[in-house]
Amino acid sequence: MLRSDYERDLSSLQADLREMATHVEQATRRALNALENQDLELAQQIIDEDDHIDRLQDALEDKCVTLMATQQPMAIDLRALMSAVHIGVELERMGDYAEGIAKICLRIGDQPLLKPLIDIPRMADRALTMLDESLQSHANRDEWLARKVCQDDDAVDDLYDQIYRELLTYMLQDPRNIERATYLLWVAHDLERIADRATNIAERVMWLVSGHTVGTGSMKSDRSLR
């Protein structure tokens, strides 16, 4: 295979990852819309459509394995293929979290929500921005954008802690609130996990660029972000 053909295959993998990410983002936003409006029909559609993300992930993995077997890539070429496989797995799991939110919507049914959704949509916006930027960092081999994604995870964690404390207060005030508060806590947990998966993608990008496993613990003192 010519180098130009191989580069075209890598570009195709990038397009596949972006397609998966688009489906994940849409599923997550639609799941939150279903929750806020208690749209049970929409929630069921999201659950039914999760298989499509699974099939995309399977197809991407098959493509990567075929390229590994036929081209026997080395160094950064091998890391590029391994990264694509890893990112595909992360995206598939994010799709599962979106499906999980839709399932919570069905469990709530027609019960009124415990409280208006304020911080949960903010949390979703931050997590999905991290997802978008992690894919951008991968497409552009942008290590510093990847580092920014890892740092942004702290803000999502802070929002989760805030939501947790608020919902715990509702539970302590009235035990009858426990079930409905727990449902919203599960939603927040799924969004927190989406942000964690975006962080995993960003860490994989840093490994792709540098060839070394990069921990995020010391990044804040490493250098100011551009």
C-alpha atoms as a PDB file:
ATOM      1  CA  MET A   1       0.000   0.000   0.000  1.00  0.00           C
ATOM      2  CA  LEU A   2       1.276   3.461  -0.883  1.00  0.00           C
ATOM      3  CA  ARG A   3       1.829   5.964   1.900  1.00  0.00           C
ATOM      4  CA  SER A   4      -0.858   8.186   0.378  1.00  0.00           C
ATOM      5  CA  ASP A   5      -3.347   5.295   0.585  1.00  0.00           C
ATOM      6  CA  TYR A   6      -2.440   4.703   4.212  1.00  0.00           C
ATOM      7  CA  GLU A   7      -2.891   8.389   5.036  1.00  0.00           C
ATOM      8  CA  ARG A   8      -6.301   8.253   3.383  1.00  0.00           C
ATOM      9  CA  ASP A   9      -7.246   5.285   5.566  1.00  0.00           C
ATOM     10  CA  LEU A  10      -6.177   7.198   8.687  1.00  0.00           C
ATOM     11  CA  SER A  11      -8.304  10.151   7.589  1.00  0.00           C
ATOM     12  CA  SER A  12     -11.207   7.760   7.126  1.00  0.00           C
ATOM     13  CA  LEU A  13     -10.757   6.528  10.692  1.00  0.00           C
ATOM     14  CA  GLN A  14     -10.819  10.122  11.927  1.00  0.00           C
ATOM     15  CA  ALA A  15     -14.092  10.679  10.061  1.00  0.00           C
ATOM     16  CA  ASP A  16     -15.502   7.512  11.643  1.00  0.00           C
ATOM     17  CA  LEU A  17     -14.591   8.763  15.116  1.00  0.00           C
ATOM     18  CA  ARG A  18     -16.168  12.129  14.443  1.00  0.00           C
ATOM     19  CA  GLU A  19     -19.363  10.396  13.280  1.00  0.00           C
ATOM     20  CA  MET A  20     -19.485   8.380  16.491  1.00  0.00           C
ATOM     21  CA  ALA A  21     -18.892  11.506  18.565  1.00  0.00           C
ATOM     22  CA  THR A  22     -21.706  13.313  16.766  1.00  0.00           C
ATOM     23  CA  HIS A  23     -24.119  10.482  17.551  1.00  0.00           C
ATOM     24  CA  VAL A  24     -23.001  10.490  21.204  1.00  0.00           C
ATOM     25  CA  GLU A  25     -23.513  14.239  21.535  1.00  0.00           C
ATOM     26  CA  GLN A  26     -26.937  14.083  19.898  1.00  0.00           C
ATOM     27  CA  ALA A  27     -28.014  11.133  22.047  1.00  0.00           C
ATOM     28  CA  THR A  28     -26.892  12.900  25.233  1.00  0.00           C
ATOM     29  CA  ARG A  29     -28.664  16.167  24.424  1.00  0.00           C
ATOM     30  CA  ARG A  30     -31.821  14.340  23.356  1.00  0.00           C
ATOM     31  CA  ALA A  31     -31.771  12.263  26.546  1.00  0.00           C
ATOM     32  CA  LEU A  32     -31.622  15.419  28.656  1.00  0.00           C
ATOM     33  CA  ASN A  33     -34.414  16.916  26.572  1.00  0.00           C
ATOM     34  CA  ALA A  34     -36.479  13.784  27.172  1.00  0.00           C
ATOM     35  CA  LEU A  35     -35.787  14.040  30.904  1.00  0.00           C
ATOM     36  CA  GLU A  36     -36.659  17.720  31.163  1.00  0.00           C
ATOM     37  CA  ASN A  37     -39.889  17.318  29.182  1.00  0.00           C
ATOM     38  CA  GLN A  38     -40.579  13.822  30.523  1.00  0.00           C
ATOM     39  CA  ASP A  39     -40.901  12.624  26.943  1.00  0.00           C
ATOM     40  CA  LEU A  40     -41.013   8.862  27.350  1.00  0.00           C
ATOM     41  CA  GLU A  41     -41.358   8.190  23.622  1.00  0.00           C
ATOM     42  CA  LEU A  42     -38.166  10.112  22.887  1.00  0.00           C
ATOM     43  CA  ALA A  43     -36.392   8.292  25.705  1.00  0.00           C
ATOM     44  CA  GLN A  44     -37.310   4.937  24.181  1.00  0.00           C
ATOM     45  CA  GLN A  45     -36.060   6.074  20.760  1.00  0.00           C
ATOM     46  CA  ILE A  46     -32.663   6.923  22.258  1.00  0.00           C
ATOM     47  CA  ILE A  47     -32.458   3.497  23.854  1.00  0.00           C
ATOM     48  CA  ASP A  48     -33.375   1.770  20.589  1.00  0.00           C
ATOM     49  CA  GLU A  49     -30.830   3.804  18.604  1.00  0.00           C
ATOM     50  CA  ASP A  50     -27.880   2.962  20.860  1.00  0.00           C
ATOM     51  CA  ASP A  51     -27.222  -0.154  18.764  1.00  0.00           C
ATOM     52  CA  HIS A  52     -26.169   2.119  15.904  1.00  0.00           C
ATOM     53  CA  ILE A  53     -23.279   3.508  17.962  1.00  0.00           C
ATOM     54  CA  ASP A  54     -22.301  -0.045  18.870  1.00  0.00           C
ATOM     55  CA  ARG A  55     -22.204  -1.024  15.195  1.00  0.00           C
ATOM     56  CA  LEU A  56     -20.077   2.004  14.327  1.00  0.00           C
ATOM     57  CA  GLN A  57     -17.605   1.020  17.030  1.00  0.00           C
ATOM     58  CA  ASP A  58     -17.441  -2.569  15.757  1.00  0.00           C
ATOM     59  CA  ALA A  59     -16.838  -1.392  12.181  1.00  0.00           C
ATOM     60  CA  LEU A  60     -14.088   0.989  13.266  1.00  0.00           C
ATOM     61  CA  GLU A  61     -12.341  -1.711  15.270  1.00  0.00           C
ATOM     62  CA  ASP A  62     -12.511  -4.133  12.332  1.00  0.00           C
ATOM     63  CA  LYS A  63     -10.973  -1.493  10.057  1.00  0.00           C
ATOM     64  CA  CYS A  64      -8.130  -0.857  12.506  1.00  0.00           C
ATOM     65  CA  VAL A  65      -7.400  -4.561  12.965  1.00  0.00           C
ATOM     66  CA  THR A  66      -7.300  -5.067   9.193  1.00  0.00           C
ATOM     67  CA  LEU A  67      -4.805  -2.215   8.781  1.00  0.00           C
ATOM     68  CA  MET A  68      -2.642  -3.560  11.589  1.00  0.00           C
ATOM     69  CA  ALA A  69      -2.633  -7.045  10.066  1.00  0.00           C
ATOM     70  CA  THR A  70      -1.952  -5.975   6.484  1.00  0.00           C
ATOM     71  CA  GLN A  71       0.374  -2.996   6.995  1.00  0.00           C
ATOM     72  CA  GLN A  72       2.248  -3.954  10.179  1.00  0.00           C
ATOM     73  CA  PRO A  73       2.664  -0.286  11.157  1.00  0.00           C
ATOM     74  CA  MET A  74       5.437   0.891  13.457  1.00  0.00           C
ATOM     75  CA  ALA A  75       6.000   3.800  15.847  1.00  0.00           C
ATOM     76  CA  ILE A  76       3.500   6.660  15.481  1.00  0.00           C
ATOM     77  CA  ASP A  77       1.545   4.823  12.761  1.00  0.00           C
ATOM     78  CA  LEU A  78       0.900   1.963  15.166  1.00  0.00           C
ATOM     79  CA  ARG A  79       0.033   4.388  17.956  1.00  0.00           C
ATOM     80  CA  ALA A  80      -2.448   6.109  15.617  1.00  0.00           C
ATOM     81  CA  LEU A  81      -4.309   2.858  14.989  1.00  0.00           C
ATOM     82  CA  MET A  82      -4.234   1.793  18.621  1.00  0.00           C
ATOM     83  CA  SER A  83      -5.487   5.233  19.637  1.00  0.00           C
ATOM     84  CA  ALA A  84      -8.389   5.003  17.192  1.00  0.00           C
ATOM     85  CA  VAL A  85      -9.425   1.661  18.692  1.00  0.00           C
ATOM     86  CA  HIS A  86      -9.178   3.071  22.213  1.00  0.00           C
ATOM     87  CA  ILE A  87     -11.145   6.220  21.353  1.00  0.00           C
ATOM     88  CA  GLY A  88     -13.835   4.151  19.656  1.00  0.00           C
ATOM     89  CA  VAL A  89     -14.299   2.196  22.886  1.00  0.00           C
ATOM     90  CA  GLU A  90     -14.540   5.415  24.901  1.00  0.00           C
ATOM     91  CA  LEU A  91     -17.176   6.812  22.542  1.00  0.00           C
ATOM     92  CA  GLU A  92     -19.206   3.610  22.681  1.00  0.00           C
ATOM     93  CA  ARG A  93     -19.252   3.826  26.471  1.00  0.00           C
ATOM     94  CA  MET A  94     -20.367   7.462  26.291  1.00  0.00           C
ATOM     95  CA  GLY A  95     -23.252   6.302  24.143  1.00  0.00           C
ATOM     96  CA  ASP A  96     -24.149   3.858  26.892  1.00  0.00           C
ATOM     97  CA  TYR A  97     -24.273   6.717  29.406  1.00  0.00           C
ATOM     98  CA  ALA A  98     -26.663   8.641  27.147  1.00  0.00           C
ATOM     99  CA  GLU A  99     -28.781   5.500  26.925  1.00  0.00           C
ATOM    100  CA  GLY A 100     -28.608   5.267  30.715  1.00  0.00           C
ATOM    101  CA  ILE A 101     -30.057   8.753  31.084  1.00  0.00           C
ATOM    102  CA  ALA A 102     -32.903   7.767  28.754  1.00  0.00           C
ATOM    103  CA  LYS A 103     -33.576   4.677  30.870  1.00  0.00           C
ATOM    104  CA  ILE A 104     -33.705   6.847  33.993  1.00  0.00           C
ATOM    105  CA  CYS A 105     -36.276   8.991  32.207  1.00  0.00           C
ATOM    106  CA  LEU A 106     -38.433   5.902  31.694  1.00  0.00           C
ATOM    107  CA  ARG A 107     -38.061   4.922  35.347  1.00  0.00           C
ATOM    108  CA  ILE A 108     -39.188   8.369  36.461  1.00  0.00           C
ATOM    109  CA  GLY A 109     -42.185   8.058  34.166  1.00  0.00           C
ATOM    110  CA  ASP A 110     -44.816  10.675  34.854  1.00  0.00           C
ATOM    111  CA  GLN A 111     -43.582  11.511  38.367  1.00  0.00           C
ATOM    112  CA  PRO A 112     -42.778  15.225  38.594  1.00  0.00           C
ATOM    113  CA  LEU A 113     -39.074  15.967  38.705  1.00  0.00           C
ATOM    114  CA  LEU A 114     -37.786  16.772  42.171  1.00  0.00           C
ATOM    115  CA  LYS A 115     -36.507  20.176  41.021  1.00  0.00           C
ATOM    116  CA  PRO A 116     -35.977  22.147  37.826  1.00  0.00           C
ATOM    117  CA  LEU A 117     -32.903  21.083  35.872  1.00  0.00           C
ATOM    118  CA  ILE A 118     -30.333  23.874  36.200  1.00  0.00           C
ATOM    119  CA  ASP A 119     -26.890  22.511  37.031  1.00  0.00           C
ATOM    120  CA  ILE A 120     -27.377  19.208  35.206  1.00  0.00           C
ATOM    121  CA  PRO A 121     -27.668  20.905  31.766  1.00  0.00           C
ATOM    122  CA  ARG A 122     -24.608  23.030  32.641  1.00  0.00           C
ATOM    123  CA  MET A 123     -22.747  19.859  33.470  1.00  0.00           C
ATOM    124  CA  ALA A 124     -23.809  18.307  30.154  1.00  0.00           C
ATOM    125  CA  ASP A 125     -22.617  21.352  28.206  1.00  0.00           C
ATOM    126  CA  ARG A 126     -19.193  21.208  29.845  1.00  0.00           C
ATOM    127  CA  ALA A 127     -18.840  17.457  29.329  1.00  0.00           C
ATOM    128  CA  LEU A 128     -19.841  17.646  25.661  1.00  0.00           C
ATOM    129  CA  THR A 129     -17.480  20.572  25.067  1.00  0.00           C
ATOM    130  CA  MET A 130     -14.721  18.375  26.471  1.00  0.00           C
ATOM    131  CA  LEU A 131     -15.772  15.620  24.075  1.00  0.00           C
ATOM    132  CA  ASP A 132     -15.647  17.967  21.089  1.00  0.00           C
ATOM    133  CA  GLU A 133     -12.256  19.380  22.086  1.00  0.00           C
ATOM    134  CA  SER A 134     -10.800  15.930  22.729  1.00  0.00           C
ATOM    135  CA  LEU A 135     -11.735  14.922  19.167  1.00  0.00           C
ATOM    136  CA  GLN A 136     -10.286  18.187  17.842  1.00  0.00           C
ATOM    137  CA  SER A 137      -7.042  17.525  19.703  1.00  0.00           C
ATOM    138  CA  HIS A 138      -6.902  14.064  18.157  1.00  0.00           C
ATOM    139  CA  ALA A 139      -7.566  15.291  14.623  1.00  0.00           C
ATOM    140  CA  ASN A 140      -4.926  18.024  14.916  1.00  0.00           C
ATOM    141  CA  ARG A 141      -2.460  16.130  17.140  1.00  0.00           C
ATOM    142  CA  ASP A 142      -2.795  19.095  19.507  1.00  0.00           C
ATOM    143  CA  GLU A 143      -1.221  18.121  22.806  1.00  0.00           C
ATOM    144  CA  TRP A 144      -2.030  21.400  24.548  1.00  0.00           C
ATOM    145  CA  LEU A 145      -5.709  21.230  23.680  1.00  0.00           C
ATOM    146  CA  ALA A 146      -5.655  17.687  25.054  1.00  0.00           C
ATOM    147  CA  ARG A 147      -4.133  19.023  28.267  1.00  0.00           C
ATOM    148  CA  LYS A 148      -6.857  21.667  28.474  1.00  0.00           C
ATOM    149  CA  VAL A 149      -9.502  18.939  28.241  1.00  0.00           C
ATOM    150  CA  CYS A 150      -7.894  17.109  31.155  1.00  0.00           C
ATOM    151  CA  GLN A 151      -7.856  20.263  33.258  1.00  0.00           C
ATOM    152  CA  ASP A 152     -11.477  21.073  32.403  1.00  0.00           C
ATOM    153  CA  ASP A 153     -12.545  17.809  34.028  1.00  0.00           C
ATOM    154  CA  ASP A 154     -12.114  19.467  37.428  1.00  0.00           C
ATOM    155  CA  ALA A 155     -14.969  21.883  36.665  1.00  0.00           C
ATOM    156  CA  VAL A 156     -17.278  18.977  35.842  1.00  0.00           C
ATOM    157  CA  ASP A 157     -16.289  17.218  39.052  1.00  0.00           C
ATOM    158  CA  ASP A 158     -17.049  20.399  41.007  1.00  0.00           C
ATOM    159  CA  LEU A 159     -20.510  20.607  39.454  1.00  0.00           C
ATOM    160  CA  TYR A 160     -21.145  16.957  40.288  1.00  0.00           C
ATOM    161  CA  ASP A 161     -20.170  17.566  43.920  1.00  0.00           C
ATOM    162  CA  GLN A 162     -22.473  20.594  44.039  1.00  0.00           C
ATOM    163  CA  ILE A 163     -25.388  18.591  42.620  1.00  0.00           C
ATOM    164  CA  TYR A 164     -24.669  15.732  45.019  1.00  0.00           C
ATOM    165  CA  ARG A 165     -24.734  18.038  48.057  1.00  0.00           C
ATOM    166  CA  GLU A 166     -27.947  19.719  46.927  1.00  0.00           C
ATOM    167  CA  LEU A 167     -29.746  16.436  46.297  1.00  0.00           C
ATOM    168  CA  LEU A 168     -28.520  15.034  49.596  1.00  0.00           C
ATOM    169  CA  THR A 169     -30.104  18.032  51.312  1.00  0.00           C
ATOM    170  CA  TYR A 170     -33.428  17.216  49.653  1.00  0.00           C
ATOM    171  CA  MET A 171     -33.148  13.631  50.903  1.00  0.00           C
ATOM    172  CA  LEU A 172     -32.401  14.706  54.470  1.00  0.00           C
ATOM    173  CA  GLN A 173     -35.249  17.195  54.502  1.00  0.00           C
ATOM    174  CA  ASP A 174     -37.830  14.622  53.503  1.00  0.00           C
ATOM    175  CA  PRO A 175     -37.242  10.877  53.040  1.00  0.00           C
ATOM    176  CA  ARG A 176     -40.018  10.885  50.447  1.00  0.00           C
ATOM    177  CA  ASN A 177     -37.590  12.745  48.176  1.00  0.00           C
ATOM    178  CA  ILE A 178     -35.001   9.973  48.199  1.00  0.00           C
ATOM    179  CA  GLU A 179     -36.179   8.117  45.094  1.00  0.00           C
ATOM    180  CA  ARG A 180     -36.553  11.179  42.872  1.00  0.00           C
ATOM    181  CA  ALA A 181     -33.273  12.674  44.140  1.00  0.00           C
ATOM    182  CA  THR A 182     -31.484   9.413  43.414  1.00  0.00           C
ATOM    183  CA  TYR A 183     -32.695   9.441  39.813  1.00  0.00           C
ATOM    184  CA  LEU A 184     -31.212  12.900  39.251  1.00  0.00           C
ATOM    185  CA  LEU A 185     -28.006  11.853  40.986  1.00  0.00           C
ATOM    186  CA  TRP A 186     -27.694   8.957  38.546  1.00  0.00           C
ATOM    187  CA  VAL A 187     -28.086  11.384  35.644  1.00  0.00           C
ATOM    188  CA  ALA A 188     -25.335  13.594  37.050  1.00  0.00           C
ATOM    189  CA  HIS A 189     -23.128  10.543  37.513  1.00  0.00           C
ATOM    190  CA  ASP A 190     -23.593   9.523  33.854  1.00  0.00           C
ATOM    191  CA  LEU A 191     -22.593  13.030  32.732  1.00  0.00           C
ATOM    192  CA  GLU A 192     -19.558  12.971  35.018  1.00  0.00           C
ATOM    193  CA  ARG A 193     -18.508   9.703  33.424  1.00  0.00           C
ATOM    194  CA  ILE A 194     -18.865  11.194  29.920  1.00  0.00           C
ATOM    195  CA  ALA A 195     -16.398  13.897  30.988  1.00  0.00           C
ATOM    196  CA  ASP A 196     -14.068  11.227  32.380  1.00  0.00           C
ATOM    197  CA  ARG A 197     -14.166   9.387  29.047  1.00  0.00           C
ATOM    198  CA  ALA A 198     -13.357  12.627  27.206  1.00  0.00           C
ATOM    199  CA  THR A 199     -10.375  12.988  29.539  1.00  0.00           C
ATOM    200  CA  ASN A 200      -9.300   9.457  28.639  1.00  0.00           C
ATOM    201  CA  ILE A 201      -9.385  10.413  24.957  1.00  0.00           C
ATOM    202  CA  ALA A 202      -7.263  13.493  25.657  1.00  0.00           C
ATOM    203  CA  GLU A 203      -4.721  11.397  27.557  1.00  0.00           C
ATOM    204  CA  ARG A 204      -4.601   9.004  24.610  1.00  0.00           C
ATOM    205  CA  VAL A 205      -3.859  11.959  22.320  1.00  0.00           C
ATOM    206  CA  MET A 206      -0.927  12.961  24.514  1.00  0.00           C
ATOM    207  CA  TRP A 207       0.391   9.417  24.285  1.00  0.00           C
ATOM    208  CA  LEU A 208      -0.097   9.436  20.510  1.00  0.00           C
ATOM    209  CA  VAL A 209       1.885  12.655  20.141  1.00  0.00           C
ATOM    210  CA  SER A 210       4.665  11.959  22.619  1.00  0.00           C
ATOM    211  CA  GLY A 211       4.892   8.182  22.717  1.00  0.00           C
ATOM    212  CA  HIS A 212       4.836   8.317  26.510  1.00  0.00           C
ATOM    213  CA  THR A 213       2.101   7.752  29.046  1.00  0.00           C
ATOM    214  CA  VAL A 214       1.203  11.168  30.403  1.00  0.00           C
ATOM    215  CA  GLY A 215      -0.335  11.585  33.838  1.00  0.00           C
ATOM    216  CA  THR A 216      -2.611  14.552  34.444  1.00  0.00           C
ATOM    217  CA  GLY A 217      -1.803  15.133  38.085  1.00  0.00           C
ATOM    218  CA  SER A 218       1.068  17.563  37.519  1.00  0.00           C
ATOM    219  CA  MET A 219      -0.251  19.319  34.430  1.00  0.00           C
ATOM    220  CA  LYS A 220      -1.658  22.358  36.234  1.00  0.00           C
ATOM    221  CA  SER A 221       1.776  23.422  37.413  1.00  0.00           C
ATOM    222  CA  ASP A 222       3.494  22.389  34.186  1.00  0.00           C
ATOM    223  CA  ARG A 223       2.748  25.445  32.094  1.00  0.00           C
ATOM    224  CA  SER A 224       0.004  27.994  31.664  1.00  0.00           C
ATOM    225  CA  LEU A 225      -2.399  27.063  28.893  1.00  0.00           C
ATOM    226  CA  ARG A 226      -2.314  29.089  25.747  1.00  0.00           C
END
